[in-house]
Amino acid sequence: MNPYQIIKSRRLTEKSRVLENLKNANSNPSVAKCKAPKYVFDVHQDANKIEIARAIENIYADKRVKVVSVNVINIGGKWRRVRGFVGKTAALRKAIVTLRPEDSLDEPV
């Protein structure tokens, strides 16, 4: 599969921003140990961890990032009822990608 088919989009939510900014936090000793940046992506349902890691490294090859680990979360669809019609929302698969401590996907400000 093409790397852009594996990685659908970057997930920018409040919780994903907290994960990204853990590397800068020094509020307590356990949080201060989190030096590696983590980013959250929506990925293809059939993609495995190795394919996800290779796709991230290919997409961000200009920044020379190296993926340390990938955690995958499957979220099933929810049953919804709208005006008498019952249906199910689409299932989702997220990947939390951990990079080396010196790597970053964001542009320096």
PDB file of N, CA and C in Angstrom:
ATOM      1  N   MET A   1       0.833  -1.194   0.000  1.00  0.00           N
ATOM      2  CA  MET A   1       0.000   0.000   0.000  1.00  0.00           C
ATOM      3  C   MET A   1       0.874   1.253   0.000  1.00  0.00           C
ATOM      4  N   ASN A   2       0.340   2.277  -0.539  1.00  0.00           N
ATOM      5  CA  ASN A   2       0.969   3.587  -0.577  1.00  0.00           C
ATOM      6  C   ASN A   2       1.006   4.171   0.850  1.00  0.00           C
ATOM      7  N   PRO A   3       2.080   4.857   1.275  1.00  0.00           N
ATOM      8  CA  PRO A   3       2.115   5.448   2.622  1.00  0.00           C
ATOM      9  C   PRO A   3       0.950   6.390   2.899  1.00  0.00           C
ATOM     10  N   TYR A   4       0.468   7.080   1.873  1.00  0.00           N
ATOM     11  CA  TYR A   4      -0.642   8.004   2.062  1.00  0.00           C
ATOM     12  C   TYR A   4      -1.987   7.275   2.156  1.00  0.00           C
ATOM     13  N   GLN A   5      -2.039   6.003   1.758  1.00  0.00           N
ATOM     14  CA  GLN A   5      -3.231   5.198   1.974  1.00  0.00           C
ATOM     15  C   GLN A   5      -3.234   4.618   3.387  1.00  0.00           C
ATOM     16  N   ILE A   6      -2.053   4.340   3.928  1.00  0.00           N
ATOM     17  CA  ILE A   6      -1.944   3.797   5.282  1.00  0.00           C
ATOM     18  C   ILE A   6      -2.253   4.885   6.303  1.00  0.00           C
ATOM     19  N   ILE A   7      -1.607   6.051   6.161  1.00  0.00           N
ATOM     20  CA  ILE A   7      -1.821   7.170   7.077  1.00  0.00           C
ATOM     21  C   ILE A   7      -2.893   8.064   6.459  1.00  0.00           C
ATOM     22  N   LYS A   8      -4.086   8.057   7.036  1.00  0.00           N
ATOM     23  CA  LYS A   8      -5.180   8.860   6.484  1.00  0.00           C
ATOM     24  C   LYS A   8      -5.018  10.332   6.843  1.00  0.00           C
ATOM     25  N   SER A   9      -4.807  10.621   8.127  1.00  0.00           N
ATOM     26  CA  SER A   9      -4.659  12.010   8.547  1.00  0.00           C
ATOM     27  C   SER A   9      -4.055  12.058   9.939  1.00  0.00           C
ATOM     28  N   ARG A  10      -3.564  13.225  10.277  1.00  0.00           N
ATOM     29  CA  ARG A  10      -3.069  13.444  11.634  1.00  0.00           C
ATOM     30  C   ARG A  10      -4.242  13.867  12.496  1.00  0.00           C
ATOM     31  N   ARG A  11      -4.362  13.308  13.671  1.00  0.00           N
ATOM     32  CA  ARG A  11      -5.495  13.565  14.553  1.00  0.00           C
ATOM     33  C   ARG A  11      -5.132  14.706  15.488  1.00  0.00           C
ATOM     34  N   LEU A  12      -5.780  15.856  15.316  1.00  0.00           N
ATOM     35  CA  LEU A  12      -5.500  17.034  16.119  1.00  0.00           C
ATOM     36  C   LEU A  12      -6.665  17.269  17.072  1.00  0.00           C
ATOM     37  N   THR A  13      -6.569  16.684  18.244  1.00  0.00           N
ATOM     38  CA  THR A  13      -7.573  16.875  19.281  1.00  0.00           C
ATOM     39  C   THR A  13      -6.863  17.396  20.531  1.00  0.00           C
ATOM     40  N   GLU A  14      -7.650  17.737  21.526  1.00  0.00           N
ATOM     41  CA  GLU A  14      -7.059  18.237  22.764  1.00  0.00           C
ATOM     42  C   GLU A  14      -6.171  17.172  23.418  1.00  0.00           C
ATOM     43  N   LYS A  15      -6.636  15.942  23.408  1.00  0.00           N
ATOM     44  CA  LYS A  15      -5.869  14.861  24.023  1.00  0.00           C
ATOM     45  C   LYS A  15      -4.572  14.571  23.247  1.00  0.00           C
ATOM     46  N   SER A  16      -4.624  14.650  21.914  1.00  0.00           N
ATOM     47  CA  SER A  16      -3.407  14.416  21.134  1.00  0.00           C
ATOM     48  C   SER A  16      -2.395  15.542  21.333  1.00  0.00           C
ATOM     49  N   ARG A  17      -2.883  16.767  21.524  1.00  0.00           N
ATOM     50  CA  ARG A  17      -1.978  17.891  21.808  1.00  0.00           C
ATOM     51  C   ARG A  17      -1.305  17.718  23.168  1.00  0.00           C
ATOM     52  N   VAL A  18      -2.009  17.166  24.135  1.00  0.00           N
ATOM     53  CA  VAL A  18      -1.412  16.887  25.447  1.00  0.00           C
ATOM     54  C   VAL A  18      -0.281  15.878  25.284  1.00  0.00           C
ATOM     55  N   LEU A  19      -0.493  14.826  24.491  1.00  0.00           N
ATOM     56  CA  LEU A  19       0.557  13.835  24.252  1.00  0.00           C
ATOM     57  C   LEU A  19       1.772  14.457  23.562  1.00  0.00           C
ATOM     58  N   GLU A  20       1.532  15.338  22.600  1.00  0.00           N
ATOM     59  CA  GLU A  20       2.634  15.984  21.890  1.00  0.00           C
ATOM     60  C   GLU A  20       3.454  16.882  22.805  1.00  0.00           C
ATOM     61  N   ASN A  21       2.802  17.539  23.760  1.00  0.00           N
ATOM     62  CA  ASN A  21       3.489  18.497  24.623  1.00  0.00           C
ATOM     63  C   ASN A  21       4.034  17.886  25.907  1.00  0.00           C
ATOM     64  N   LEU A  22       3.929  16.578  26.074  1.00  0.00           N
ATOM     65  CA  LEU A  22       4.492  15.950  27.275  1.00  0.00           C
ATOM     66  C   LEU A  22       6.012  16.089  27.328  1.00  0.00           C
ATOM     67  N   LYS A  23       6.660  16.191  26.169  1.00  0.00           N
ATOM     68  CA  LYS A  23       8.122  16.309  26.153  1.00  0.00           C
ATOM     69  C   LYS A  23       8.591  17.630  26.760  1.00  0.00           C
ATOM     70  N   ASN A  24       7.722  18.655  26.775  1.00  0.00           N
ATOM     71  CA  ASN A  24       8.088  19.957  27.330  1.00  0.00           C
ATOM     72  C   ASN A  24       7.620  20.146  28.761  1.00  0.00           C
ATOM     73  N   ALA A  25       6.843  19.205  29.288  1.00  0.00           N
ATOM     74  CA  ALA A  25       6.255  19.362  30.620  1.00  0.00           C
ATOM     75  C   ALA A  25       7.233  18.908  31.703  1.00  0.00           C
ATOM     76  N   ASN A  26       7.294  19.667  32.787  1.00  0.00           N
ATOM     77  CA  ASN A  26       8.128  19.323  33.929  1.00  0.00           C
ATOM     78  C   ASN A  26       7.338  19.464  35.226  1.00  0.00           C
ATOM     79  N   SER A  27       6.010  19.243  35.146  1.00  0.00           N
ATOM     80  CA  SER A  27       5.156  19.507  36.305  1.00  0.00           C
ATOM     81  C   SER A  27       5.392  18.535  37.455  1.00  0.00           C
ATOM     82  N   ASN A  28       5.660  17.271  37.150  1.00  0.00           N
ATOM     83  CA  ASN A  28       5.993  16.321  38.208  1.00  0.00           C
ATOM     84  C   ASN A  28       7.023  15.326  37.680  1.00  0.00           C
ATOM     85  N   PRO A  29       7.664  14.549  38.568  1.00  0.00           N
ATOM     86  CA  PRO A  29       8.758  13.670  38.129  1.00  0.00           C
ATOM     87  C   PRO A  29       8.353  12.610  37.105  1.00  0.00           C
ATOM     88  N   SER A  30       7.133  12.071  37.201  1.00  0.00           N
ATOM     89  CA  SER A  30       6.738  11.033  36.252  1.00  0.00           C
ATOM     90  C   SER A  30       6.495  11.613  34.863  1.00  0.00           C
ATOM     91  N   VAL A  31       5.972  12.822  34.771  1.00  0.00           N
ATOM     92  CA  VAL A  31       5.750  13.460  33.478  1.00  0.00           C
ATOM     93  C   VAL A  31       7.074  13.938  32.889  1.00  0.00           C
ATOM     94  N   ALA A  32       8.004  14.330  33.721  1.00  0.00           N
ATOM     95  CA  ALA A  32       9.299  14.813  33.246  1.00  0.00           C
ATOM     96  C   ALA A  32      10.106  13.713  32.564  1.00  0.00           C
ATOM     97  N   LYS A  33       9.762  12.446  32.803  1.00  0.00           N
ATOM     98  CA  LYS A  33      10.462  11.331  32.157  1.00  0.00           C
ATOM     99  C   LYS A  33      10.045  11.132  30.708  1.00  0.00           C
ATOM    100  N   CYS A  34       8.958  11.736  30.276  1.00  0.00           N
ATOM    101  CA  CYS A  34       8.440  11.586  28.916  1.00  0.00           C
ATOM    102  C   CYS A  34       9.178  12.550  27.987  1.00  0.00           C
ATOM    103  N   LYS A  35      10.312  12.151  27.497  1.00  0.00           N
ATOM    104  CA  LYS A  35      11.122  13.020  26.640  1.00  0.00           C
ATOM    105  C   LYS A  35      10.875  12.783  25.155  1.00  0.00           C
ATOM    106  N   ALA A  36      10.262  11.646  24.806  1.00  0.00           N
ATOM    107  CA  ALA A  36      10.026  11.343  23.402  1.00  0.00           C
ATOM    108  C   ALA A  36       8.684  11.909  22.959  1.00  0.00           C
ATOM    109  N   PRO A  37       8.639  12.600  21.822  1.00  0.00           N
ATOM    110  CA  PRO A  37       7.366  13.149  21.348  1.00  0.00           C
ATOM    111  C   PRO A  37       6.459  12.047  20.813  1.00  0.00           C
ATOM    112  N   LYS A  38       5.150  12.209  21.019  1.00  0.00           N
ATOM    113  CA  LYS A  38       4.148  11.253  20.546  1.00  0.00           C
ATOM    114  C   LYS A  38       3.142  11.994  19.679  1.00  0.00           C
ATOM    115  N   TYR A  39       2.772  11.380  18.567  1.00  0.00           N
ATOM    116  CA  TYR A  39       1.814  11.967  17.639  1.00  0.00           C
ATOM    117  C   TYR A  39       0.735  10.945  17.332  1.00  0.00           C
ATOM    118  N   VAL A  40      -0.483  11.420  17.110  1.00  0.00           N
ATOM    119  CA  VAL A  40      -1.630  10.547  16.881  1.00  0.00           C
ATOM    120  C   VAL A  40      -2.089  10.697  15.435  1.00  0.00           C
ATOM    121  N   PHE A  41      -2.325   9.551  14.767  1.00  0.00           N
ATOM    122  CA  PHE A  41      -2.752   9.526  13.379  1.00  0.00           C
ATOM    123  C   PHE A  41      -3.953   8.603  13.223  1.00  0.00           C
ATOM    124  N   ASP A  42      -4.833   8.924  12.256  1.00  0.00           N
ATOM    125  CA  ASP A  42      -5.872   7.998  11.812  1.00  0.00           C
ATOM    126  C   ASP A  42      -5.232   7.131  10.736  1.00  0.00           C
ATOM    127  N   VAL A  43      -5.385   5.816  10.867  1.00  0.00           N
ATOM    128  CA  VAL A  43      -4.717   4.905   9.935  1.00  0.00           C
ATOM    129  C   VAL A  43      -5.733   3.950   9.308  1.00  0.00           C
ATOM    130  N   HIS A  44      -5.296   3.262   8.268  1.00  0.00           N
ATOM    131  CA  HIS A  44      -6.121   2.290   7.554  1.00  0.00           C
ATOM    132  C   HIS A  44      -6.427   1.112   8.480  1.00  0.00           C
ATOM    133  N   GLN A  45      -7.618   0.532   8.321  1.00  0.00           N
ATOM    134  CA  GLN A  45      -8.060  -0.549   9.207  1.00  0.00           C
ATOM    135  C   GLN A  45      -7.157  -1.785   9.134  1.00  0.00           C
ATOM    136  N   ASP A  46      -6.574  -2.066   7.981  1.00  0.00           N
ATOM    137  CA  ASP A  46      -5.785  -3.289   7.802  1.00  0.00           C
ATOM    138  C   ASP A  46      -4.285  -3.086   7.990  1.00  0.00           C
ATOM    139  N   ALA A  47      -3.854  -1.879   8.318  1.00  0.00           N
ATOM    140  CA  ALA A  47      -2.423  -1.600   8.453  1.00  0.00           C
ATOM    141  C   ALA A  47      -1.901  -2.138   9.784  1.00  0.00           C
ATOM    142  N   ASN A  48      -0.706  -2.733   9.751  1.00  0.00           N
ATOM    143  CA  ASN A  48      -0.098  -3.198  10.992  1.00  0.00           C
ATOM    144  C   ASN A  48       0.947  -2.184  11.468  1.00  0.00           C
ATOM    145  N   LYS A  49       1.549  -2.451  12.609  1.00  0.00           N
ATOM    146  CA  LYS A  49       2.459  -1.489  13.230  1.00  0.00           C
ATOM    147  C   LYS A  49       3.701  -1.231  12.376  1.00  0.00           C
ATOM    148  N   ILE A  50       4.223  -2.257  11.743  1.00  0.00           N
ATOM    149  CA  ILE A  50       5.427  -2.102  10.920  1.00  0.00           C
ATOM    150  C   ILE A  50       5.130  -1.230   9.704  1.00  0.00           C
ATOM    151  N   GLU A  51       3.985  -1.466   9.055  1.00  0.00           N
ATOM    152  CA  GLU A  51       3.600  -0.644   7.901  1.00  0.00           C
ATOM    153  C   GLU A  51       3.375   0.801   8.305  1.00  0.00           C
ATOM    154  N   ILE A  52       2.784   1.029   9.481  1.00  0.00           N
ATOM    155  CA  ILE A  52       2.542   2.385   9.966  1.00  0.00           C
ATOM    156  C   ILE A  52       3.864   3.104  10.207  1.00  0.00           C
ATOM    157  N   ALA A  53       4.816   2.418  10.845  1.00  0.00           N
ATOM    158  CA  ALA A  53       6.119   3.024  11.122  1.00  0.00           C
ATOM    159  C   ALA A  53       6.847   3.389   9.826  1.00  0.00           C
ATOM    160  N   ARG A  54       6.839   2.492   8.858  1.00  0.00           N
ATOM    161  CA  ARG A  54       7.500   2.774   7.574  1.00  0.00           C
ATOM    162  C   ARG A  54       6.822   3.917   6.832  1.00  0.00           C
ATOM    163  N   ALA A  55       5.494   3.978   6.907  1.00  0.00           N
ATOM    164  CA  ALA A  55       4.759   5.043   6.219  1.00  0.00           C
ATOM    165  C   ALA A  55       5.089   6.400   6.823  1.00  0.00           C
ATOM    166  N   ILE A  56       5.171   6.495   8.152  1.00  0.00           N
ATOM    167  CA  ILE A  56       5.519   7.759   8.811  1.00  0.00           C
ATOM    168  C   ILE A  56       6.926   8.184   8.412  1.00  0.00           C
ATOM    169  N   GLU A  57       7.863   7.241   8.408  1.00  0.00           N
ATOM    170  CA  GLU A  57       9.245   7.571   8.035  1.00  0.00           C
ATOM    171  C   GLU A  57       9.338   7.993   6.569  1.00  0.00           C
ATOM    172  N   ASN A  58       8.505   7.414   5.684  1.00  0.00           N
ATOM    173  CA  ASN A  58       8.521   7.808   4.272  1.00  0.00           C
ATOM    174  C   ASN A  58       7.874   9.172   4.061  1.00  0.00           C
ATOM    175  N   ILE A  59       6.761   9.416   4.725  1.00  0.00           N
ATOM    176  CA  ILE A  59       6.058  10.691   4.547  1.00  0.00           C
ATOM    177  C   ILE A  59       6.898  11.852   5.071  1.00  0.00           C
ATOM    178  N   TYR A  60       7.540  11.660   6.209  1.00  0.00           N
ATOM    179  CA  TYR A  60       8.355  12.715   6.821  1.00  0.00           C
ATOM    180  C   TYR A  60       9.851  12.463   6.596  1.00  0.00           C
ATOM    181  N   ALA A  61      10.218  11.973   5.414  1.00  0.00           N
ATOM    182  CA  ALA A  61      11.617  11.684   5.099  1.00  0.00           C
ATOM    183  C   ALA A  61      12.457  12.949   5.064  1.00  0.00           C
ATOM    184  N   ASP A  62      11.857  14.095   4.694  1.00  0.00           N
ATOM    185  CA  ASP A  62      12.611  15.349   4.641  1.00  0.00           C
ATOM    186  C   ASP A  62      13.036  15.809   6.039  1.00  0.00           C
ATOM    187  N   LYS A  63      12.294  15.407   7.075  1.00  0.00           N
ATOM    188  CA  LYS A  63      12.648  15.774   8.453  1.00  0.00           C
ATOM    189  C   LYS A  63      13.498  14.712   9.136  1.00  0.00           C
ATOM    190  N   ARG A  64      13.706  13.587   8.448  1.00  0.00           N
ATOM    191  CA  ARG A  64      14.551  12.481   8.932  1.00  0.00           C
ATOM    192  C   ARG A  64      14.121  11.986  10.308  1.00  0.00           C
ATOM    193  N   VAL A  65      12.843  11.707  10.426  1.00  0.00           N
ATOM    194  CA  VAL A  65      12.337  11.183  11.697  1.00  0.00           C
ATOM    195  C   VAL A  65      12.536   9.674  11.748  1.00  0.00           C
ATOM    196  N   LYS A  66      12.677   9.157  12.952  1.00  0.00           N
ATOM    197  CA  LYS A  66      12.821   7.728  13.188  1.00  0.00           C
ATOM    198  C   LYS A  66      11.763   7.313  14.200  1.00  0.00           C
ATOM    199  N   VAL A  67      10.929   6.359  13.845  1.00  0.00           N
ATOM    200  CA  VAL A  67       9.866   5.886  14.718  1.00  0.00           C
ATOM    201  C   VAL A  67      10.440   4.886  15.712  1.00  0.00           C
ATOM    202  N   VAL A  68      10.190   5.139  16.989  1.00  0.00           N
ATOM    203  CA  VAL A  68      10.666   4.247  18.050  1.00  0.00           C
ATOM    204  C   VAL A  68       9.625   3.169  18.335  1.00  0.00           C
ATOM    205  N   SER A  69       8.348   3.571  18.466  1.00  0.00           N
ATOM    206  CA  SER A  69       7.296   2.588  18.719  1.00  0.00           C
ATOM    207  C   SER A  69       5.974   3.084  18.169  1.00  0.00           C
ATOM    208  N   VAL A  70       5.069   2.131  17.972  1.00  0.00           N
ATOM    209  CA  VAL A  70       3.724   2.420  17.482  1.00  0.00           C
ATOM    210  C   VAL A  70       2.731   1.662  18.350  1.00  0.00           C
ATOM    211  N   ASN A  71       1.746   2.371  18.880  1.00  0.00           N
ATOM    212  CA  ASN A  71       0.643   1.757  19.605  1.00  0.00           C
ATOM    213  C   ASN A  71      -0.615   1.980  18.791  1.00  0.00           C
ATOM    214  N   VAL A  72      -1.441   0.927  18.658  1.00  0.00           N
ATOM    215  CA  VAL A  72      -2.625   0.992  17.809  1.00  0.00           C
ATOM    216  C   VAL A  72      -3.871   0.796  18.662  1.00  0.00           C
ATOM    217  N   ILE A  73      -4.899   1.613  18.374  1.00  0.00           N
ATOM    218  CA  ILE A  73      -6.162   1.544  19.091  1.00  0.00           C
ATOM    219  C   ILE A  73      -7.281   1.357  18.069  1.00  0.00           C
ATOM    220  N   ASN A  74      -8.100   0.315  18.264  1.00  0.00           N
ATOM    221  CA  ASN A  74      -9.269   0.096  17.414  1.00  0.00           C
ATOM    222  C   ASN A  74     -10.502   0.615  18.133  1.00  0.00           C
ATOM    223  N   ILE A  75     -11.270   1.452  17.454  1.00  0.00           N
ATOM    224  CA  ILE A  75     -12.487   1.999  18.020  1.00  0.00           C
ATOM    225  C   ILE A  75     -13.641   1.535  17.136  1.00  0.00           C
ATOM    226  N   GLY A  76     -14.533   0.764  17.719  1.00  0.00           N
ATOM    227  CA  GLY A  76     -15.671   0.252  16.965  1.00  0.00           C
ATOM    228  C   GLY A  76     -16.704   1.322  16.720  1.00  0.00           C
ATOM    229  N   GLY A  77     -17.555   1.085  15.730  1.00  0.00           N
ATOM    230  CA  GLY A  77     -18.625   2.026  15.428  1.00  0.00           C
ATOM    231  C   GLY A  77     -19.695   1.998  16.512  1.00  0.00           C
ATOM    232  N   LYS A  78     -20.408   3.098  16.650  1.00  0.00           N
ATOM    233  CA  LYS A  78     -21.469   3.200  17.654  1.00  0.00           C
ATOM    234  C   LYS A  78     -22.829   3.155  16.964  1.00  0.00           C
ATOM    235  N   TRP A  79     -23.789   2.547  17.640  1.00  0.00           N
ATOM    236  CA  TRP A  79     -25.153   2.539  17.132  1.00  0.00           C
ATOM    237  C   TRP A  79     -25.793   3.898  17.388  1.00  0.00           C
ATOM    238  N   ARG A  80     -26.416   4.457  16.358  1.00  0.00           N
ATOM    239  CA  ARG A  80     -27.079   5.752  16.462  1.00  0.00           C
ATOM    240  C   ARG A  80     -28.482   5.648  15.881  1.00  0.00           C
ATOM    241  N   ARG A  81     -29.377   6.447  16.420  1.00  0.00           N
ATOM    242  CA  ARG A  81     -30.738   6.512  15.891  1.00  0.00           C
ATOM    243  C   ARG A  81     -31.021   7.961  15.530  1.00  0.00           C
ATOM    244  N   VAL A  82     -31.398   8.178  14.279  1.00  0.00           N
ATOM    245  CA  VAL A  82     -31.729   9.513  13.801  1.00  0.00           C
ATOM    246  C   VAL A  82     -33.084   9.443  13.109  1.00  0.00           C
ATOM    247  N   ARG A  83     -34.069  10.110  13.677  1.00  0.00           N
ATOM    248  CA  ARG A  83     -35.422  10.189  13.118  1.00  0.00           C
ATOM    249  C   ARG A  83     -35.995   8.819  12.779  1.00  0.00           C
ATOM    250  N   GLY A  84     -35.813   7.866  13.665  1.00  0.00           N
ATOM    251  CA  GLY A  84     -36.377   6.540  13.462  1.00  0.00           C
ATOM    252  C   GLY A  84     -35.494   5.576  12.697  1.00  0.00           C
ATOM    253  N   PHE A  85     -34.448   6.051  12.080  1.00  0.00           N
ATOM    254  CA  PHE A  85     -33.532   5.166  11.357  1.00  0.00           C
ATOM    255  C   PHE A  85     -32.385   4.771  12.279  1.00  0.00           C
ATOM    256  N   VAL A  86     -32.097   3.501  12.313  1.00  0.00           N
ATOM    257  CA  VAL A  86     -31.017   3.002  13.154  1.00  0.00           C
ATOM    258  C   VAL A  86     -29.845   2.641  12.253  1.00  0.00           C
ATOM    259  N   GLY A  87     -28.659   3.096  12.644  1.00  0.00           N
ATOM    260  CA  GLY A  87     -27.474   2.798  11.864  1.00  0.00           C
ATOM    261  C   GLY A  87     -26.241   2.796  12.742  1.00  0.00           C
ATOM    262  N   LYS A  88     -25.131   2.479  12.140  1.00  0.00           N
ATOM    263  CA  LYS A  88     -23.881   2.389  12.878  1.00  0.00           C
ATOM    264  C   LYS A  88     -22.877   3.347  12.258  1.00  0.00           C
ATOM    265  N   THR A  89     -22.148   4.091  13.110  1.00  0.00           N
ATOM    266  CA  THR A  89     -21.108   4.978  12.604  1.00  0.00           C
ATOM    267  C   THR A  89     -19.899   4.147  12.182  1.00  0.00           C
ATOM    268  N   ALA A  90     -19.014   4.743  11.432  1.00  0.00           N
ATOM    269  CA  ALA A  90     -17.850   4.028  10.917  1.00  0.00           C
ATOM    270  C   ALA A  90     -16.869   3.701  12.036  1.00  0.00           C
ATOM    271  N   ALA A  91     -16.228   2.551  11.934  1.00  0.00           N
ATOM    272  CA  ALA A  91     -15.180   2.167  12.879  1.00  0.00           C
ATOM    273  C   ALA A  91     -13.927   2.975  12.565  1.00  0.00           C
ATOM    274  N   LEU A  92     -13.038   3.088  13.545  1.00  0.00           N
ATOM    275  CA  LEU A  92     -11.863   3.934  13.424  1.00  0.00           C
ATOM    276  C   LEU A  92     -10.654   3.208  13.999  1.00  0.00           C
ATOM    277  N   ARG A  93      -9.498   3.451  13.440  1.00  0.00           N
ATOM    278  CA  ARG A  93      -8.248   2.897  13.953  1.00  0.00           C
ATOM    279  C   ARG A  93      -7.266   4.039  14.104  1.00  0.00           C
ATOM    280  N   LYS A  94      -6.739   4.204  15.320  1.00  0.00           N
ATOM    281  CA  LYS A  94      -5.778   5.271  15.601  1.00  0.00           C
ATOM    282  C   LYS A  94      -4.423   4.654  15.895  1.00  0.00           C
ATOM    283  N   ALA A  95      -3.376   5.402  15.593  1.00  0.00           N
ATOM    284  CA  ALA A  95      -2.013   4.983  15.914  1.00  0.00           C
ATOM    285  C   ALA A  95      -1.332   6.097  16.683  1.00  0.00           C
ATOM    286  N   ILE A  96      -0.747   5.747  17.831  1.00  0.00           N
ATOM    287  CA  ILE A  96       0.063   6.693  18.598  1.00  0.00           C
ATOM    288  C   ILE A  96       1.515   6.352  18.289  1.00  0.00           C
ATOM    289  N   VAL A  97       2.190   7.276  17.621  1.00  0.00           N
ATOM    290  CA  VAL A  97       3.553   7.051  17.134  1.00  0.00           C
ATOM    291  C   VAL A  97       4.529   7.806  18.030  1.00  0.00           C
ATOM    292  N   THR A  98       5.523   7.089  18.556  1.00  0.00           N
ATOM    293  CA  THR A  98       6.560   7.686  19.389  1.00  0.00           C
ATOM    294  C   THR A  98       7.829   7.834  18.555  1.00  0.00           C
ATOM    295  N   LEU A  99       8.381   9.041  18.558  1.00  0.00           N
ATOM    296  CA  LEU A  99       9.605   9.328  17.807  1.00  0.00           C
ATOM    297  C   LEU A  99      10.798   9.423  18.749  1.00  0.00           C
ATOM    298  N   ARG A 100      11.979   9.571  18.175  1.00  0.00           N
ATOM    299  CA  ARG A 100      13.171   9.797  18.995  1.00  0.00           C
ATOM    300  C   ARG A 100      13.045  11.130  19.717  1.00  0.00           C
ATOM    301  N   PRO A 101      13.709  11.296  20.867  1.00  0.00           N
ATOM    302  CA  PRO A 101      13.577  12.556  21.621  1.00  0.00           C
ATOM    303  C   PRO A 101      13.980  13.807  20.835  1.00  0.00           C
ATOM    304  N   GLU A 102      14.892  13.694  19.900  1.00  0.00           N
ATOM    305  CA  GLU A 102      15.335  14.879  19.159  1.00  0.00           C
ATOM    306  C   GLU A 102      14.492  15.165  17.930  1.00  0.00           C
ATOM    307  N   ASP A 103      13.566  14.268  17.549  1.00  0.00           N
ATOM    308  CA  ASP A 103      12.743  14.453  16.366  1.00  0.00           C
ATOM    309  C   ASP A 103      11.472  15.231  16.676  1.00  0.00           C
ATOM    310  N   SER A 104      10.935  15.860  15.636  1.00  0.00           N
ATOM    311  CA  SER A 104       9.676  16.592  15.758  1.00  0.00           C
ATOM    312  C   SER A 104       9.037  16.701  14.380  1.00  0.00           C
ATOM    313  N   LEU A 105       7.707  16.641  14.325  1.00  0.00           N
ATOM    314  CA  LEU A 105       6.994  16.797  13.068  1.00  0.00           C
ATOM    315  C   LEU A 105       6.560  18.233  12.839  1.00  0.00           C
ATOM    316  N   ASP A 106       6.532  19.039  13.903  1.00  0.00           N
ATOM    317  CA  ASP A 106       6.111  20.417  13.792  1.00  0.00           C
ATOM    318  C   ASP A 106       7.283  21.313  13.406  1.00  0.00           C
ATOM    319  N   GLU A 107       6.946  22.403  12.745  1.00  0.00           N
ATOM    320  CA  GLU A 107       7.958  23.394  12.386  1.00  0.00           C
ATOM    321  C   GLU A 107       8.357  24.188  13.620  1.00  0.00           C
ATOM    322  N   PRO A 108       9.636  24.495  13.808  1.00  0.00           N
ATOM    323  CA  PRO A 108      10.034  25.321  14.958  1.00  0.00           C
ATOM    324  C   PRO A 108       9.470  26.730  14.834  1.00  0.00           C
ATOM    325  N   VAL A 109       9.001  27.256  15.949  1.00  0.00           N
ATOM    326  CA  VAL A 109       8.371  28.573  15.946  1.00  0.00           C
ATOM    327  C   VAL A 109       9.399  29.637  16.245  1.00  0.00           C
TER     328      VAL A 109
END
